[in-house]
PDB file of N, CA and C in Angstrom:
ATOM      1  N   MET A   1    -114.877 153.397-146.117  1.00  0.00           N
ATOM      2  CA  MET A   1    -115.828 153.858-145.949  1.00  0.00           C
ATOM      3  C   MET A   1    -116.515 153.985-144.878  1.00  0.00           C
ATOM      4  N   LYS A   2    -117.134 155.500-145.315  1.00  0.00           N
ATOM      5  CA  LYS A   2    -118.193 155.403-144.239  1.00  0.00           C
ATOM      6  C   LYS A   2    -120.105 155.939-144.635  1.00  0.00           C
ATOM      7  N   VAL A   3    -121.045 154.739-143.886  1.00  0.00           N
ATOM      8  CA  VAL A   3    -122.366 154.582-144.511  1.00  0.00           C
ATOM      9  C   VAL A   3    -122.946 154.915-143.309  1.00  0.00           C
ATOM     10  N   ARG A   4    -123.876 155.838-143.576  1.00  0.00           N
ATOM     11  CA  ARG A   4    -125.565 155.895-143.207  1.00  0.00           C
ATOM     12  C   ARG A   4    -126.769 156.346-144.378  1.00  0.00           C
ATOM     13  N   VAL A   5    -127.755 156.019-142.998  1.00  0.00           N
ATOM     14  CA  VAL A   5    -128.852 156.341-143.320  1.00  0.00           C
ATOM     15  C   VAL A   5    -130.020 156.880-143.663  1.00  0.00           C
ATOM     16  N   ASP A   6    -130.468 157.678-144.373  1.00  0.00           N
ATOM     17  CA  ASP A   6    -131.758 158.901-144.135  1.00  0.00           C
ATOM     18  C   ASP A   6    -132.803 159.002-142.933  1.00  0.00           C
ATOM     19  N   ARG A   7    -132.856 158.484-142.202  1.00  0.00           N
ATOM     20  CA  ARG A   7    -134.191 157.384-141.333  1.00  0.00           C
ATOM     21  C   ARG A   7    -135.117 157.723-142.208  1.00  0.00           C
ATOM     22  N   GLU A   8    -134.895 159.752-142.426  1.00  0.00           N
ATOM     23  CA  GLU A   8    -136.404 160.013-142.771  1.00  0.00           C
ATOM     24  C   GLU A   8    -136.682 159.883-145.007  1.00  0.00           C
ATOM     25  N   LEU A   9    -135.961 158.918-145.370  1.00  0.00           N
ATOM     26  CA  LEU A   9    -136.084 158.332-146.743  1.00  0.00           C
ATOM     27  C   LEU A   9    -136.731 156.682-146.514  1.00  0.00           C
ATOM     28  N   CYS A  10    -136.113 156.158-145.213  1.00  0.00           N
ATOM     29  CA  CYS A  10    -136.152 155.147-145.895  1.00  0.00           C
ATOM     30  C   CYS A  10    -137.702 154.445-145.531  1.00  0.00           C
ATOM     31  N   ILE A  11    -137.900 153.515-146.740  1.00  0.00           N
ATOM     32  CA  ILE A  11    -139.398 152.658-146.058  1.00  0.00           C
ATOM     33  C   ILE A  11    -138.957 151.029-146.142  1.00  0.00           C
ATOM     34  N   GLY A  12    -138.284 150.688-146.080  1.00  0.00           N
ATOM     35  CA  GLY A  12    -138.116 149.705-145.386  1.00  0.00           C
ATOM     36  C   GLY A  12    -138.290 148.668-145.809  1.00  0.00           C
ATOM     37  N   VAL A  13    -137.768 148.757-147.340  1.00  0.00           N
ATOM     38  CA  VAL A  13    -137.890 147.793-148.406  1.00  0.00           C
ATOM     39  C   VAL A  13    -136.942 146.513-148.343  1.00  0.00           C
ATOM     40  N   GLY A  14    -136.154 146.676-147.817  1.00  0.00           N
ATOM     41  CA  GLY A  14    -134.663 146.033-147.158  1.00  0.00           C
ATOM     42  C   GLY A  14    -134.245 145.601-148.479  1.00  0.00           C
ATOM     43  N   ASN A  15    -133.986 145.671-149.621  1.00  0.00           N
ATOM     44  CA  ASN A  15    -133.230 145.584-150.428  1.00  0.00           C
ATOM     45  C   ASN A  15    -131.477 145.301-149.926  1.00  0.00           C
ATOM     46  N   CYS A  16    -131.659 146.328-148.917  1.00  0.00           N
ATOM     47  CA  CYS A  16    -130.159 146.939-148.622  1.00  0.00           C
ATOM     48  C   CYS A  16    -129.823 145.488-147.823  1.00  0.00           C
ATOM     49  N   VAL A  17    -131.010 144.697-147.140  1.00  0.00           N
ATOM     50  CA  VAL A  17    -130.374 143.906-145.890  1.00  0.00           C
ATOM     51  C   VAL A  17    -129.942 142.586-145.979  1.00  0.00           C
ATOM     52  N   ALA A  18    -130.862 142.285-147.185  1.00  0.00           N
ATOM     53  CA  ALA A  18    -130.303 141.212-148.340  1.00  0.00           C
ATOM     54  C   ALA A  18    -129.228 141.144-149.695  1.00  0.00           C
ATOM     55  N   PHE A  19    -128.415 142.791-150.197  1.00  0.00           N
ATOM     56  CA  PHE A  19    -127.929 142.737-149.958  1.00  0.00           C
ATOM     57  C   PHE A  19    -126.690 142.428-149.663  1.00  0.00           C
ATOM     58  N   ALA A  20    -126.532 143.032-147.957  1.00  0.00           N
ATOM     59  CA  ALA A  20    -126.087 142.879-147.252  1.00  0.00           C
ATOM     60  C   ALA A  20    -126.304 143.276-145.330  1.00  0.00           C
ATOM     61  N   PRO A  21    -126.390 142.477-145.107  1.00  0.00           N
ATOM     62  CA  PRO A  21    -127.004 141.658-144.162  1.00  0.00           C
ATOM     63  C   PRO A  21    -126.364 141.792-142.856  1.00  0.00           C
ATOM     64  N   THR A  22    -125.085 141.515-143.570  1.00  0.00           N
ATOM     65  CA  THR A  22    -123.859 142.298-141.738  1.00  0.00           C
ATOM     66  C   THR A  22    -123.872 143.383-141.642  1.00  0.00           C
ATOM     67  N   VAL A  23    -124.100 144.570-142.952  1.00  0.00           N
ATOM     68  CA  VAL A  23    -123.871 145.438-142.700  1.00  0.00           C
ATOM     69  C   VAL A  23    -125.607 146.286-142.352  1.00  0.00           C
ATOM     70  N   PHE A  24    -126.759 145.280-142.638  1.00  0.00           N
ATOM     71  CA  PHE A  24    -127.676 145.962-141.966  1.00  0.00           C
ATOM     72  C   PHE A  24    -128.871 146.251-141.399  1.00  0.00           C
ATOM     73  N   GLU A  25    -129.173 146.107-140.876  1.00  0.00           N
ATOM     74  CA  GLU A  25    -130.381 145.104-140.638  1.00  0.00           C
ATOM     75  C   GLU A  25    -131.584 146.788-139.971  1.00  0.00           C
ATOM     76  N   PHE A  26    -132.431 145.276-140.130  1.00  0.00           N
ATOM     77  CA  PHE A  26    -134.237 146.655-139.492  1.00  0.00           C
ATOM     78  C   PHE A  26    -134.355 146.805-137.566  1.00  0.00           C
ATOM     79  N   ASP A  27    -134.224 148.933-137.382  1.00  0.00           N
ATOM     80  CA  ASP A  27    -134.824 148.536-136.549  1.00  0.00           C
ATOM     81  C   ASP A  27    -135.956 148.090-136.002  1.00  0.00           C
ATOM     82  N   GLU A  28    -136.848 148.682-134.642  1.00  0.00           N
ATOM     83  CA  GLU A  28    -138.122 148.272-134.445  1.00  0.00           C
ATOM     84  C   GLU A  28    -139.341 149.308-134.689  1.00  0.00           C
ATOM     85  N   GLU A  29    -139.257 150.299-135.762  1.00  0.00           N
ATOM     86  CA  GLU A  29    -139.418 151.266-136.604  1.00  0.00           C
ATOM     87  C   GLU A  29    -139.604 150.718-138.097  1.00  0.00           C
ATOM     88  N   ASN A  30    -138.710 149.565-138.644  1.00  0.00           N
ATOM     89  CA  ASN A  30    -138.713 148.746-139.540  1.00  0.00           C
ATOM     90  C   ASN A  30    -138.224 149.819-140.914  1.00  0.00           C
ATOM     91  N   LYS A  31    -137.070 150.509-139.547  1.00  0.00           N
ATOM     92  CA  LYS A  31    -135.967 151.381-140.516  1.00  0.00           C
ATOM     93  C   LYS A  31    -135.065 150.544-140.920  1.00  0.00           C
ATOM     94  N   ALA A  32    -134.146 150.403-141.856  1.00  0.00           N
ATOM     95  CA  ALA A  32    -132.941 150.358-141.494  1.00  0.00           C
ATOM     96  C   ALA A  32    -131.495 151.041-141.558  1.00  0.00           C
ATOM     97  N   THR A  33    -130.757 150.094-140.422  1.00  0.00           N
ATOM     98  CA  THR A  33    -129.842 150.644-139.647  1.00  0.00           C
ATOM     99  C   THR A  33    -128.519 150.197-140.111  1.00  0.00           C
ATOM    100  N   VAL A  34    -127.125 150.867-139.469  1.00  0.00           N
ATOM    101  CA  VAL A  34    -125.426 150.767-139.799  1.00  0.00           C
ATOM    102  C   VAL A  34    -125.171 149.429-138.573  1.00  0.00           C
ATOM    103  N   LEU A  35    -124.905 147.974-139.026  1.00  0.00           N
ATOM    104  CA  LEU A  35    -123.774 147.597-138.396  1.00  0.00           C
ATOM    105  C   LEU A  35    -122.571 147.742-138.432  1.00  0.00           C
ATOM    106  N   ASP A  36    -121.979 146.796-139.631  1.00  0.00           N
ATOM    107  CA  ASP A  36    -120.113 146.556-139.858  1.00  0.00           C
ATOM    108  C   ASP A  36    -120.279 146.954-141.589  1.00  0.00           C
ATOM    109  N   PRO A  37    -119.634 148.503-141.387  1.00  0.00           N
ATOM    110  CA  PRO A  37    -119.554 148.087-143.351  1.00  0.00           C
ATOM    111  C   PRO A  37    -118.488 147.617-143.734  1.00  0.00           C
ATOM    112  N   SER A  38    -117.567 147.139-142.477  1.00  0.00           N
ATOM    113  CA  SER A  38    -116.093 147.061-142.805  1.00  0.00           C
ATOM    114  C   SER A  38    -116.369 145.944-143.422  1.00  0.00           C
ATOM    115  N   SER A  39    -117.661 144.911-142.885  1.00  0.00           N
ATOM    116  CA  SER A  39    -118.151 143.685-142.780  1.00  0.00           C
ATOM    117  C   SER A  39    -117.696 143.113-143.952  1.00  0.00           C
ATOM    118  N   VAL A  40    -118.460 143.929-145.710  1.00  0.00           N
ATOM    119  CA  VAL A  40    -117.660 143.076-146.668  1.00  0.00           C
ATOM    120  C   VAL A  40    -117.065 144.258-147.588  1.00  0.00           C
ATOM    121  N   ASP A  41    -116.736 144.099-148.758  1.00  0.00           N
ATOM    122  CA  ASP A  41    -115.673 145.056-149.936  1.00  0.00           C
ATOM    123  C   ASP A  41    -117.176 146.270-150.397  1.00  0.00           C
ATOM    124  N   ASP A  42    -115.871 146.972-150.678  1.00  0.00           N
ATOM    125  CA  ASP A  42    -116.618 148.097-151.282  1.00  0.00           C
ATOM    126  C   ASP A  42    -117.631 147.915-151.961  1.00  0.00           C
ATOM    127  N   ASP A  43    -118.169 147.339-152.757  1.00  0.00           N
ATOM    128  CA  ASP A  43    -118.506 146.368-154.259  1.00  0.00           C
ATOM    129  C   ASP A  43    -119.696 146.346-154.200  1.00  0.00           C
ATOM    130  N   ILE A  44    -119.890 145.599-153.076  1.00  0.00           N
ATOM    131  CA  ILE A  44    -121.258 145.084-152.474  1.00  0.00           C
ATOM    132  C   ILE A  44    -122.231 146.748-151.671  1.00  0.00           C
ATOM    133  N   LEU A  45    -120.604 147.533-150.583  1.00  0.00           N
ATOM    134  CA  LEU A  45    -121.501 147.771-150.624  1.00  0.00           C
ATOM    135  C   LEU A  45    -122.128 149.170-151.087  1.00  0.00           C
ATOM    136  N   LEU A  46    -121.626 149.148-152.492  1.00  0.00           N
ATOM    137  CA  LEU A  46    -122.067 150.114-153.497  1.00  0.00           C
ATOM    138  C   LEU A  46    -123.069 149.666-153.592  1.00  0.00           C
ATOM    139  N   GLU A  47    -123.509 148.153-153.995  1.00  0.00           N
ATOM    140  CA  GLU A  47    -124.584 147.622-154.610  1.00  0.00           C
ATOM    141  C   GLU A  47    -125.997 147.684-154.029  1.00  0.00           C
ATOM    142  N   ALA A  48    -125.810 147.743-152.449  1.00  0.00           N
ATOM    143  CA  ALA A  48    -126.384 147.736-151.239  1.00  0.00           C
ATOM    144  C   ALA A  48    -126.924 149.064-151.298  1.00  0.00           C
ATOM    145  N   ALA A  49    -126.444 150.202-151.231  1.00  0.00           N
ATOM    146  CA  ALA A  49    -126.867 151.355-151.981  1.00  0.00           C
ATOM    147  C   ALA A  49    -127.764 151.399-152.479  1.00  0.00           C
ATOM    148  N   GLU A  50    -126.953 151.462-154.323  1.00  0.00           N
ATOM    149  CA  GLU A  50    -128.182 151.783-155.200  1.00  0.00           C
ATOM    150  C   GLU A  50    -128.777 151.073-155.187  1.00  0.00           C
ATOM    151  N   SER A  51    -130.218 149.660-154.881  1.00  0.00           N
ATOM    152  CA  SER A  51    -130.141 149.028-154.508  1.00  0.00           C
ATOM    153  C   SER A  51    -132.097 150.151-153.322  1.00  0.00           C
ATOM    154  N   CYS A  52    -131.512 150.364-153.528  1.00  0.00           N
ATOM    155  CA  CYS A  52    -131.752 151.510-152.255  1.00  0.00           C
ATOM    156  C   CYS A  52    -133.535 151.774-152.619  1.00  0.00           C
ATOM    157  N   PRO A  53    -134.427 151.721-153.256  1.00  0.00           N
ATOM    158  CA  PRO A  53    -135.498 153.000-154.059  1.00  0.00           C
ATOM    159  C   PRO A  53    -135.309 154.438-154.073  1.00  0.00           C
ATOM    160  N   GLU A  54    -134.984 154.870-152.383  1.00  0.00           N
ATOM    161  CA  GLU A  54    -134.858 155.510-152.158  1.00  0.00           C
ATOM    162  C   GLU A  54    -134.253 156.962-151.909  1.00  0.00           C
ATOM    163  N   ASN A  55    -133.161 155.949-152.223  1.00  0.00           N
ATOM    164  CA  ASN A  55    -131.504 156.784-152.359  1.00  0.00           C
ATOM    165  C   ASN A  55    -131.182 156.674-150.603  1.00  0.00           C
ATOM    166  N   ALA A  56    -131.414 156.277-150.041  1.00  0.00           N
ATOM    167  CA  ALA A  56    -131.521 156.822-148.241  1.00  0.00           C
ATOM    168  C   ALA A  56    -130.198 155.741-148.074  1.00  0.00           C
ATOM    169  N   ILE A  57    -130.098 155.222-148.922  1.00  0.00           N
ATOM    170  CA  ILE A  57    -127.931 155.230-148.247  1.00  0.00           C
ATOM    171  C   ILE A  57    -126.947 155.636-148.521  1.00  0.00           C
ATOM    172  N   ILE A  58    -126.168 157.002-147.935  1.00  0.00           N
ATOM    173  CA  ILE A  58    -125.587 157.671-148.047  1.00  0.00           C
ATOM    174  C   ILE A  58    -123.475 157.026-148.213  1.00  0.00           C
ATOM    175  N   VAL A  59    -123.314 157.458-149.001  1.00  0.00           N
ATOM    176  CA  VAL A  59    -122.176 156.112-148.951  1.00  0.00           C
ATOM    177  C   VAL A  59    -120.958 157.120-149.139  1.00  0.00           C
ATOM    178  N   GLU A  60    -119.747 157.623-148.345  1.00  0.00           N
ATOM    179  CA  GLU A  60    -118.608 158.688-148.647  1.00  0.00           C
ATOM    180  C   GLU A  60    -116.997 157.429-147.903  1.00  0.00           C
ATOM    181  N   ASP A  61    -115.789 158.751-148.921  1.00  0.00           N
ATOM    182  CA  ASP A  61    -115.454 157.979-148.553  1.00  0.00           C
ATOM    183  C   ASP A  61    -114.353 158.076-147.695  1.00  0.00           C
ATOM    184  N   ASP A  62    -113.438 157.614-146.962  1.00  0.00           N
ATOM    185  CA  ASP A  62    -112.751 157.965-146.003  1.00  0.00           C
ATOM    186  C   ASP A  62    -112.438 159.878-146.189  1.00  0.00           C
ATOM    187  N   GLU A  63    -112.386 160.704-146.636  1.00  0.00           N
ATOM    188  CA  GLU A  63    -112.334 161.565-146.557  1.00  0.00           C
ATOM    189  C   GLU A  63    -113.216 162.425-146.621  1.00  0.00           C
ATOM    190  N   GLY A  64    -114.400 161.549-147.154  1.00  0.00           N
ATOM    191  CA  GLY A  64    -115.909 162.521-146.879  1.00  0.00           C
ATOM    192  C   GLY A  64    -116.205 163.213-148.108  1.00  0.00           C
ATOM    193  N   ARG A  65    -115.656 162.182-149.309  1.00  0.00           N
ATOM    194  CA  ARG A  65    -116.355 162.911-150.797  1.00  0.00           C
ATOM    195  C   ARG A  65    -116.977 161.908-150.608  1.00  0.00           C
ATOM    196  N   LEU A  66    -118.709 162.607-151.461  1.00  0.00           N
ATOM    197  CA  LEU A  66    -119.266 161.631-151.818  1.00  0.00           C
ATOM    198  C   LEU A  66    -119.887 160.659-153.080  1.00  0.00           C
ATOM    199  N   LEU A  67    -119.679 159.416-152.340  1.00  0.00           N
ATOM    200  CA  LEU A  67    -120.013 158.372-153.272  1.00  0.00           C
ATOM    201  C   LEU A  67    -120.795 158.014-153.987  1.00  0.00           C
ATOM    202  N   TYR A  68    -121.645 157.867-153.576  1.00  0.00           N
ATOM    203  CA  TYR A  68    -123.538 157.686-153.734  1.00  0.00           C
ATOM    204  C   TYR A  68    -124.467 158.631-151.911  1.00  0.00           C
ATOM    205  N   PRO A  69    -125.525 158.772-153.092  1.00  0.00           N
ATOM    206  CA  PRO A  69    -126.234 158.504-153.976  1.00  0.00           C
ATOM    207  C   PRO A  69    -125.522 159.628-154.884  1.00  0.00           C
TER     208      PRO A  69
END
């Protein structure tokens, strides 16, 4: 899976970091950044994305098809 964060939408709530701390962390602007999406299974990755109140986490499969949002 491919994961990215739309920095304009991210408001730094931190749900993604709580769900998947090996995948997401905050930078100096309190915005989520992606570390290692392969460090968790796909279900946890999707849960982390779905937990974002701003839908700032974009998840695609390996062929580039949008899985979330």
